[in-house]
Amino acid sequence: MRRQQDPALRFLYGLEKHGIRPGLGRTRKIVSLLGDPQKGYTIVHVAGTNGKGSTSAIIASVLQEAGLRTGLYTSPHLEKFNERIRVSGKMITGPEVASAVKTVRAASRKMPRGAPLTFFEFTTAMAFLHFMRKKADIAVIETGMGGRFDATNVVTPGVSVITNVSIDHARFLGRTVKEIAFEKAGIIKPGRPVVVGEVEKGPLSVIRKRARDLSSPLYENGSDFSASGDPRSFDYQGMSCRLEGLKLGLMGRHQVNNAACALAAIEVLKGNGFEIPVRAIRNGLKKAAWPGRFEVLSKRPFVVLDGAHNPAGARTLALALESLGKRPVLVLGVMADKDIDGFMKEILPSCSMVVATRPENARSESPMALSGRVGRFGKEAVARESVKEALNEALLRAGPQGAVCVTGSLFTVGEARGYLRRANFKNCKTKIRPS
């Protein structure tokens, strides 16, 4: 693969062998050895089962429009590692990756033996370091998984955001929404404000208790702030302001709720002294972009990419497709450790048929096994070994006037996006006119 040609990236991906090891000890040690770079700028810390990436991107877009030097750390990437670490919209460059790897690696040699950094711990330290080097004013940090023991949780934020809570990563976070809410609420810090999106009563009670115990001001969607409308035009009612006729650069009605969380966080930051004029808010919302999340690559045929990978995400995707009157051929590639049947139950009624595939990831469910599971739901399915083959099959079956939706995993979406962009749609059997 291309990533293996770069020594710094080859080293980074080699850390994946250490797997996922929740805990903050190693990250605290490495950032301490680096001089605690995360303390040099204000931080917005964003967690949630779904929507945290979109919410982070919206917040960052508004802050950039306000003239603030804004860091953005997200995961995973779609096409290249550099997407994970950005400053004012610009990805970290190859030489900057190499420099950050060199510095963090040198510091890590001073850590106790037998406790190597995981891939995510190492890249989190790189992001903190890069933002310090770029003299960021503020950084929006998305959690990788959970919150309480997530490597990013060594920060003391200016404001925390929890977008929503549903079942995902049950092996690590718990098998009930209350258990998962407890993990997400771990990002709340003493006396620091927290913004909460649309969360059901049970898990919300867990978040409220954590905020109460830590004397952290809590702002809830639906009571303290709200938004209504769709991305083409929506209104926001906040804690201290009302904004009408807002336009959002992200598609899907669900993105309005993410925008509401983002705007509530912006209000908190304004209350803490940041100058963020209404013009910056309007422009930032309009310019917000988040690839691979209900991203429309073509209008004829209609081709949309969405990284939904759990039942709640599939439900949201299905509603978005239905609102547009689309019943697409589904290109589906999922990880074997996910709730595949739960995902299918939500998304399959909204599609015409399925082309099952797998991205280049060892955790992927096999296309044949996946197509067999689809068949048990009474939906037609065929299997194709590669994402490229699956895309061509789906485009052929959809035809020029039809629709194709790629989903199931951000790994699947990333491969599809890279292939379609590199090919400029020319190598597909069905001619696509880019939108």
Protein backbone atom coordinates (compact mmCIF):
# COMPACT_ATOMS: atom_id res chain seq x y z
CA MET A 1 0.00 0.00 0.00
CA ARG A 2 1.07 3.60 -0.60
CA ARG A 3 1.39 4.40 3.09
CA GLN A 4 4.22 1.89 3.46
CA GLN A 5 6.50 4.05 1.23
CA ASP A 6 6.85 6.76 3.89
CA PRO A 7 9.14 5.90 6.84
CA ALA A 8 7.22 8.07 9.34
CA LEU A 9 3.87 6.59 8.37
CA ARG A 10 5.37 3.10 8.25
CA PHE A 11 6.45 3.56 11.86
CA LEU A 12 3.05 4.97 12.88
CA TYR A 13 1.05 2.15 11.33
CA GLY A 14 3.42 -0.31 12.93
CA LEU A 15 2.02 0.86 16.28
CA GLU A 16 -1.36 -0.63 15.38
CA LYS A 17 -0.04 -3.98 16.57
CA HIS A 18 -0.46 -2.67 20.14
CA GLY A 19 -4.23 -2.50 19.57
CA ILE A 20 -6.63 -0.48 21.74
CA ARG A 21 -5.66 -0.13 25.40
CA PRO A 22 -7.92 2.31 27.25
CA GLY A 23 -6.22 4.34 29.96
CA LEU A 24 -4.64 7.76 30.41
CA GLY A 25 -1.34 6.92 32.09
CA ARG A 26 0.73 6.54 28.93
CA THR A 27 -0.70 9.66 27.28
CA ARG A 28 -0.19 11.74 30.43
CA LYS A 29 3.42 10.62 30.54
CA ILE A 30 4.20 11.36 26.89
CA VAL A 31 2.60 14.83 26.89
CA SER A 32 4.46 15.62 30.12
CA LEU A 33 7.72 14.65 28.44
CA LEU A 34 6.77 16.95 25.55
CA GLY A 35 6.15 19.86 27.91
CA ASP A 36 2.35 19.53 28.00
CA PRO A 37 1.72 21.25 24.65
CA GLN A 38 -2.07 20.83 25.06
CA LYS A 39 -2.00 23.47 27.79
CA GLY A 40 -0.90 26.21 25.39
CA TYR A 41 -4.30 26.88 23.81
CA THR A 42 -8.00 26.67 24.59
CA ILE A 43 -9.60 23.32 23.81
CA VAL A 44 -13.08 22.29 22.71
CA HIS A 45 -13.42 18.57 23.53
CA VAL A 46 -16.07 16.67 21.55
CA ALA A 47 -17.44 13.19 22.28
CA GLY A 48 -20.51 11.24 21.17
CA THR A 49 -21.52 7.99 19.51
CA ASN A 50 -22.40 9.69 16.21
CA GLY A 51 -22.02 13.20 14.86
CA LYS A 52 -18.94 14.18 16.83
CA GLY A 53 -16.82 14.58 13.71
CA SER A 54 -19.41 16.74 11.95
CA THR A 55 -19.91 18.84 15.08
CA SER A 56 -16.14 19.29 15.44
CA ALA A 57 -15.85 20.35 11.79
CA ILE A 58 -18.67 22.91 12.19
CA ILE A 59 -17.12 24.41 15.33
CA ALA A 60 -13.71 24.64 13.67
CA SER A 61 -15.18 26.26 10.56
CA VAL A 62 -16.88 29.00 12.60
CA LEU A 63 -13.75 29.64 14.68
CA GLN A 64 -11.64 29.93 11.54
CA GLU A 65 -14.06 32.44 10.07
CA ALA A 66 -13.69 34.46 13.26
CA GLY A 67 -9.98 34.78 12.49
CA LEU A 68 -8.79 32.36 15.16
CA ARG A 69 -5.87 30.04 14.45
CA THR A 70 -7.80 26.82 14.88
CA GLY A 71 -6.52 23.27 15.30
CA LEU A 72 -8.73 20.31 14.43
CA TYR A 73 -7.94 16.72 15.45
CA THR A 74 -10.25 13.97 14.20
CA SER A 75 -10.17 10.26 13.41
CA PRO A 76 -10.11 8.09 11.47
CA HIS A 77 -8.96 9.57 8.18
CA LEU A 78 -10.63 8.71 4.88
CA GLU A 79 -7.83 8.78 2.32
CA LYS A 80 -4.60 9.96 3.96
CA PHE A 81 -3.26 10.25 7.48
CA ASN A 82 -2.69 14.01 7.19
CA GLU A 83 -6.47 14.61 7.31
CA ARG A 84 -6.43 13.88 11.05
CA ILE A 85 -4.44 16.98 12.05
CA ARG A 86 -5.30 20.40 10.61
CA VAL A 87 -4.66 24.04 11.47
CA SER A 88 -7.07 26.59 10.02
CA GLY A 89 -8.17 24.06 7.42
CA LYS A 90 -4.67 23.08 6.28
CA MET A 91 -3.60 19.48 6.77
CA ILE A 92 -0.33 18.69 8.47
CA THR A 93 2.29 18.27 5.73
CA GLY A 94 4.49 15.23 5.13
CA PRO A 95 7.62 16.91 6.54
CA GLU A 96 5.61 18.10 9.56
CA VAL A 97 4.39 14.54 10.16
CA ALA A 98 7.98 13.30 10.00
CA SER A 99 9.15 16.00 12.42
CA ALA A 100 6.34 15.31 14.91
CA VAL A 101 6.98 11.56 14.75
CA LYS A 102 10.69 12.14 15.38
CA THR A 103 10.00 14.36 18.42
CA VAL A 104 7.34 12.15 19.99
CA ARG A 105 9.38 9.01 19.32
CA ALA A 106 12.42 10.52 21.02
CA ALA A 107 10.33 11.48 24.05
CA SER A 108 8.73 8.04 24.20
CA ARG A 109 12.14 6.43 24.70
CA LYS A 110 12.14 7.97 28.19
CA MET A 111 8.95 6.15 29.12
CA PRO A 112 8.93 2.95 31.18
CA ARG A 113 9.62 -0.19 29.20
CA GLY A 114 6.76 -2.58 28.61
CA ALA A 115 4.21 0.18 28.09
CA PRO A 116 4.55 1.23 24.43
CA LEU A 117 2.23 3.91 23.08
CA THR A 118 -0.67 2.77 20.92
CA PHE A 119 -1.24 4.27 17.47
CA PHE A 120 -3.95 6.62 18.77
CA GLU A 121 -1.96 7.70 21.82
CA PHE A 122 1.03 8.52 19.66
CA THR A 123 -0.98 10.47 17.07
CA THR A 124 -2.83 12.37 19.81
CA ALA A 125 0.52 13.53 21.21
CA MET A 126 1.56 14.51 17.68
CA ALA A 127 -1.58 16.61 17.25
CA PHE A 128 -1.06 18.47 20.55
CA LEU A 129 2.56 19.12 19.59
CA HIS A 130 1.69 20.31 16.07
CA PHE A 131 -0.93 22.76 17.36
CA MET A 132 1.62 24.23 19.77
CA ARG A 133 4.20 24.56 17.00
CA LYS A 134 1.64 26.30 14.79
CA LYS A 135 0.73 28.67 17.64
CA ALA A 136 -2.95 27.70 17.64
CA ASP A 137 -5.34 29.95 19.53
CA ILE A 138 -7.83 27.15 20.03
CA ALA A 139 -8.12 23.47 19.10
CA VAL A 140 -11.17 21.28 18.53
CA ILE A 141 -10.34 17.76 19.73
CA GLU A 142 -12.57 14.82 18.80
CA THR A 143 -12.40 11.76 21.04
CA GLY A 144 -11.44 8.52 19.39
CA MET A 145 -13.69 6.22 21.40
CA GLY A 146 -15.68 6.78 24.56
CA GLY A 147 -14.25 9.61 26.62
CA ARG A 148 -13.24 8.68 30.16
CA PHE A 149 -10.20 6.61 29.16
CA ASP A 150 -9.75 8.06 25.67
CA ALA A 151 -6.22 9.32 25.01
CA THR A 152 -7.56 12.81 24.27
CA ASN A 153 -8.95 13.07 27.82
CA VAL A 154 -5.74 14.47 29.25
CA VAL A 155 -7.00 17.95 28.30
CA THR A 156 -8.77 20.54 30.43
CA PRO A 157 -11.27 22.04 27.97
CA GLY A 158 -12.83 25.45 27.72
CA VAL A 159 -16.03 23.59 26.86
CA SER A 160 -16.95 19.92 26.42
CA VAL A 161 -19.55 18.66 23.94
CA ILE A 162 -21.41 15.32 24.00
CA THR A 163 -23.41 15.01 20.78
CA ASN A 164 -25.47 11.89 21.56
CA VAL A 165 -25.31 8.43 23.14
CA SER A 166 -26.15 5.06 21.57
CA ILE A 167 -24.69 1.55 21.48
CA ASP A 168 -21.28 1.19 19.82
CA HIS A 169 -17.89 -0.22 20.86
CA ALA A 170 -19.79 -2.27 23.45
CA ARG A 171 -16.72 -4.40 24.20
CA PHE A 172 -14.92 -1.37 25.59
CA LEU A 173 -17.68 1.05 26.62
CA GLY A 174 -20.51 -1.10 27.98
CA ARG A 175 -23.60 -2.86 26.73
CA THR A 176 -26.23 -0.36 27.84
CA VAL A 177 -26.71 3.30 26.91
CA LYS A 178 -26.29 4.27 30.58
CA GLU A 179 -22.92 2.54 30.78
CA ILE A 180 -21.82 4.22 27.55
CA ALA A 181 -23.11 7.59 28.78
CA PHE A 182 -20.91 7.18 31.85
CA GLU A 183 -17.88 6.77 29.59
CA LYS A 184 -18.82 9.75 27.39
CA ALA A 185 -19.43 11.89 30.49
CA GLY A 186 -15.84 11.23 31.50
CA ILE A 187 -14.76 14.21 29.39
CA ILE A 188 -16.62 16.60 31.75
CA LYS A 189 -14.12 18.41 33.95
CA PRO A 190 -14.65 20.26 37.28
CA GLY A 191 -16.29 23.63 36.76
CA ARG A 192 -15.99 23.43 32.97
CA PRO A 193 -19.17 23.93 30.90
CA VAL A 194 -20.62 21.06 28.88
CA VAL A 195 -23.01 21.08 25.93
CA VAL A 196 -25.23 18.03 25.36
CA GLY A 197 -27.13 17.15 22.19
CA GLU A 198 -30.22 15.00 21.77
CA VAL A 199 -29.81 12.34 24.45
CA GLU A 200 -32.54 10.07 25.82
CA LYS A 201 -33.70 10.47 29.41
CA GLY A 202 -31.80 7.46 30.83
CA PRO A 203 -28.29 8.30 29.59
CA LEU A 204 -29.00 12.02 30.07
CA SER A 205 -29.51 11.39 33.79
CA VAL A 206 -25.98 9.94 33.94
CA ILE A 207 -24.52 13.01 32.24
CA ARG A 208 -26.50 15.36 34.49
CA LYS A 209 -25.18 13.61 37.59
CA ARG A 210 -21.57 13.87 36.41
CA ALA A 211 -22.01 17.59 35.67
CA ARG A 212 -23.72 18.17 39.03
CA ASP A 213 -21.03 16.30 40.96
CA LEU A 214 -18.31 18.39 39.28
CA SER A 215 -20.20 21.71 39.46
CA SER A 216 -20.01 21.95 35.67
CA PRO A 217 -22.58 24.19 33.93
CA LEU A 218 -24.75 22.01 31.67
CA TYR A 219 -26.51 23.19 28.50
CA GLU A 220 -28.99 20.76 26.94
CA ASN A 221 -30.44 20.62 23.44
CA GLY A 222 -34.20 21.07 23.64
CA SER A 223 -34.24 23.08 26.85
CA ASP A 224 -31.32 25.51 26.87
CA PHE A 225 -30.88 25.71 23.08
CA SER A 226 -32.52 24.28 19.96
CA ALA A 227 -32.57 24.45 16.17
CA SER A 228 -35.34 23.89 13.62
CA GLY A 229 -35.40 23.59 9.85
CA ASP A 230 -33.05 21.86 7.41
CA PRO A 231 -29.51 22.63 6.21
CA ARG A 232 -30.83 24.91 3.44
CA SER A 233 -32.38 27.23 6.05
CA PHE A 234 -32.66 26.76 9.80
CA ASP A 235 -33.14 28.86 12.91
CA TYR A 236 -31.18 28.63 16.14
CA GLN A 237 -32.47 29.63 19.56
CA GLY A 238 -29.61 29.80 22.00
CA MET A 239 -28.95 30.70 25.58
CA SER A 240 -28.40 34.36 24.75
CA CYS A 241 -29.16 34.83 21.07
CA ARG A 242 -31.49 33.90 18.23
CA LEU A 243 -30.25 33.44 14.66
CA GLU A 244 -32.58 32.95 11.70
CA GLY A 245 -32.12 31.81 8.11
CA LEU A 246 -28.83 29.99 8.73
CA LYS A 247 -27.39 27.81 5.96
CA LEU A 248 -25.24 24.75 6.56
CA GLY A 249 -22.67 23.27 4.21
CA LEU A 250 -23.48 19.70 5.32
CA MET A 251 -26.41 17.69 3.95
CA GLY A 252 -28.97 15.74 5.97
CA ARG A 253 -31.53 17.05 8.43
CA HIS A 254 -29.63 15.39 11.29
CA GLN A 255 -26.80 17.86 10.71
CA VAL A 256 -29.00 20.66 12.04
CA ASN A 257 -28.84 19.03 15.49
CA ASN A 258 -25.06 18.82 15.19
CA ALA A 259 -25.00 22.49 14.21
CA ALA A 260 -27.10 23.33 17.28
CA CYS A 261 -24.50 21.68 19.54
CA ALA A 262 -21.74 23.52 17.71
CA LEU A 263 -23.48 26.88 18.11
CA ALA A 264 -24.12 26.27 21.81
CA ALA A 265 -20.38 25.61 22.24
CA ILE A 266 -19.64 28.80 20.30
CA GLU A 267 -21.93 30.72 22.67
CA VAL A 268 -19.99 29.37 25.65
CA LEU A 269 -16.70 30.43 24.05
CA LYS A 270 -18.07 33.91 23.36
CA GLY A 271 -19.06 34.13 27.01
CA ASN A 272 -15.44 33.29 27.89
CA GLY A 273 -14.09 36.22 25.90
CA PHE A 274 -13.63 34.93 22.35
CA GLU A 275 -14.73 37.41 19.69
CA ILE A 276 -16.93 35.45 17.28
CA PRO A 277 -19.19 37.82 15.31
CA VAL A 278 -22.49 36.75 13.73
CA ARG A 279 -20.92 37.13 10.29
CA ALA A 280 -18.31 34.48 11.21
CA ILE A 281 -21.05 32.18 12.49
CA ARG A 282 -23.08 32.44 9.29
CA ASN A 283 -20.06 32.05 7.01
CA GLY A 284 -18.59 29.25 9.08
CA LEU A 285 -21.80 27.26 8.96
CA LYS A 286 -22.10 27.75 5.21
CA LYS A 287 -18.48 26.71 4.56
CA ALA A 288 -18.49 23.72 6.92
CA ALA A 289 -17.43 20.51 5.18
CA TRP A 290 -17.01 16.97 6.46
CA PRO A 291 -16.12 14.42 3.75
CA GLY A 292 -17.69 10.99 3.89
CA ARG A 293 -20.69 12.02 6.00
CA PHE A 294 -23.68 12.16 3.68
CA GLU A 295 -21.31 13.53 1.06
CA VAL A 296 -22.86 13.74 -2.40
CA LEU A 297 -20.25 13.11 -5.10
CA SER A 298 -22.60 13.08 -8.06
CA LYS A 299 -26.17 14.04 -8.87
CA ARG A 300 -26.71 11.91 -12.00
CA PRO A 301 -26.59 9.17 -11.00
CA PHE A 302 -26.96 10.24 -7.38
CA VAL A 303 -23.90 8.96 -5.48
CA VAL A 304 -23.65 9.55 -1.74
CA LEU A 305 -21.02 8.40 0.76
CA ASP A 306 -21.84 8.04 4.45
CA GLY A 307 -19.69 6.55 7.18
CA ALA A 308 -22.59 5.18 9.25
CA HIS A 309 -21.34 2.06 11.07
CA ASN A 310 -23.82 1.38 13.88
CA PRO A 311 -27.63 1.04 14.10
CA ALA A 312 -28.17 4.64 15.21
CA GLY A 313 -26.06 5.93 12.33
CA ALA A 314 -27.90 3.65 9.88
CA ARG A 315 -31.24 4.97 11.14
CA THR A 316 -30.11 8.55 10.56
CA LEU A 317 -28.82 7.69 7.08
CA ALA A 318 -32.10 5.97 6.18
CA LEU A 319 -34.09 9.05 7.20
CA ALA A 320 -31.80 11.29 5.16
CA LEU A 321 -32.23 9.11 2.06
CA GLU A 322 -35.99 8.96 2.51
CA SER A 323 -36.20 12.75 2.88
CA LEU A 324 -34.58 13.05 -0.57
CA GLY A 325 -36.83 10.40 -2.07
CA LYS A 326 -33.88 8.12 -2.85
CA ARG A 327 -33.91 4.31 -2.84
CA PRO A 328 -30.34 3.49 -3.78
CA VAL A 329 -28.30 0.45 -4.60
CA LEU A 330 -26.27 0.01 -1.43
CA VAL A 331 -22.53 -0.66 -1.49
CA LEU A 332 -22.00 -2.18 1.93
CA GLY A 333 -18.73 -3.01 3.66
CA VAL A 334 -18.66 -3.44 7.45
CA MET A 335 -16.34 -4.53 10.22
CA ALA A 336 -17.06 -8.03 11.54
CA ASP A 337 -17.07 -6.85 15.17
CA LYS A 338 -19.99 -4.44 14.62
CA ASP A 339 -23.71 -5.03 15.20
CA ILE A 340 -24.26 -6.01 11.57
CA ASP A 341 -27.83 -7.28 11.93
CA GLY A 342 -28.82 -4.19 13.89
CA PHE A 343 -27.30 -2.02 11.17
CA MET A 344 -29.10 -3.93 8.41
CA LYS A 345 -32.44 -3.77 10.16
CA GLU A 346 -32.27 0.03 9.99
CA ILE A 347 -30.84 0.60 6.52
CA LEU A 348 -32.07 -2.24 4.28
CA PRO A 349 -35.71 -1.06 3.98
CA SER A 350 -34.37 2.14 2.40
CA CYS A 351 -32.38 0.52 -0.41
CA SER A 352 -33.28 -1.39 -3.58
CA MET A 353 -30.54 -4.03 -3.32
CA VAL A 354 -27.07 -4.55 -1.85
CA VAL A 355 -23.62 -5.06 -3.31
CA ALA A 356 -21.62 -6.53 -0.42
CA THR A 357 -17.89 -5.88 -0.33
CA ARG A 358 -14.99 -5.34 2.05
CA PRO A 359 -12.40 -2.60 2.46
CA GLU A 360 -8.72 -3.48 2.92
CA ASN A 361 -8.95 -4.03 6.66
CA ALA A 362 -8.32 -7.23 8.58
CA ARG A 363 -11.49 -6.69 10.64
CA SER A 364 -13.78 -6.61 7.58
CA GLU A 365 -16.67 -9.05 7.26
CA SER A 366 -16.30 -11.16 4.11
CA PRO A 367 -18.51 -10.17 1.15
CA MET A 368 -20.01 -13.65 0.85
CA ALA A 369 -20.92 -13.80 4.54
CA LEU A 370 -22.31 -10.27 4.37
CA SER A 371 -24.44 -10.96 1.30
CA GLY A 372 -25.79 -14.09 3.01
CA ARG A 373 -26.88 -12.03 6.02
CA VAL A 374 -28.55 -9.51 3.71
CA GLY A 375 -30.46 -12.35 2.06
CA ARG A 376 -31.91 -13.39 5.40
CA PHE A 377 -33.58 -9.98 5.56
CA GLY A 378 -35.29 -10.71 2.24
CA LYS A 379 -33.20 -8.26 0.22
CA GLU A 380 -31.36 -9.06 -3.02
CA ALA A 381 -27.57 -9.05 -2.64
CA VAL A 382 -24.46 -9.86 -4.65
CA ALA A 383 -20.87 -10.08 -3.40
CA ARG A 384 -17.81 -8.35 -4.88
CA GLU A 385 -14.36 -8.73 -3.36
CA SER A 386 -13.12 -5.15 -3.72
CA VAL A 387 -14.73 -1.78 -3.14
CA LYS A 388 -13.81 -0.79 -6.70
CA GLU A 389 -15.60 -3.84 -8.14
CA ALA A 390 -18.59 -3.21 -5.89
CA LEU A 391 -18.86 0.41 -7.02
CA ASN A 392 -18.81 -0.52 -10.69
CA GLU A 393 -21.44 -3.19 -10.09
CA ALA A 394 -23.66 -0.79 -8.15
CA LEU A 395 -23.35 1.96 -10.77
CA LEU A 396 -24.19 -0.48 -13.53
CA ARG A 397 -27.28 -1.71 -11.71
CA ALA A 398 -28.42 1.78 -10.70
CA GLY A 399 -28.09 3.22 -14.20
CA PRO A 400 -27.65 6.88 -15.11
CA GLN A 401 -30.90 7.98 -13.44
CA GLY A 402 -30.55 5.85 -10.32
CA ALA A 403 -28.82 6.21 -6.96
CA VAL A 404 -25.89 4.56 -5.15
CA CYS A 405 -25.06 4.83 -1.46
CA VAL A 406 -21.73 3.64 -0.02
CA THR A 407 -21.83 2.94 3.72
CA GLY A 408 -21.10 0.54 6.59
CA SER A 409 -17.67 1.81 7.59
CA LEU A 410 -15.47 4.86 7.13
CA PHE A 411 -12.86 2.44 5.75
CA THR A 412 -15.29 1.47 2.96
CA VAL A 413 -16.23 5.09 2.36
CA GLY A 414 -12.58 6.18 2.26
CA GLU A 415 -11.66 3.59 -0.37
CA ALA A 416 -14.72 4.45 -2.45
CA ARG A 417 -14.04 8.16 -2.23
CA GLY A 418 -10.39 7.76 -3.19
CA TYR A 419 -11.23 5.54 -6.16
CA LEU A 420 -13.99 7.77 -7.51
CA ARG A 421 -11.94 10.95 -7.09
CA ARG A 422 -8.81 9.48 -8.68
CA ALA A 423 -10.78 8.01 -11.55
CA ASN A 424 -12.80 11.22 -11.90
CA PHE A 425 -15.64 8.77 -12.52
CA LYS A 426 -14.14 7.80 -15.92
CA ASN A 427 -13.34 4.19 -15.08
CA CYS A 428 -16.86 3.37 -13.91
CA LYS A 429 -18.95 1.36 -16.34
CA THR A 430 -21.82 3.82 -15.88
CA LYS A 431 -20.85 7.35 -16.87
CA ILE A 432 -21.22 9.78 -13.98
CA ARG A 433 -21.48 13.50 -14.31
CA PRO A 434 -19.93 15.05 -11.19
CA SER A 435 -22.07 17.55 -9.33
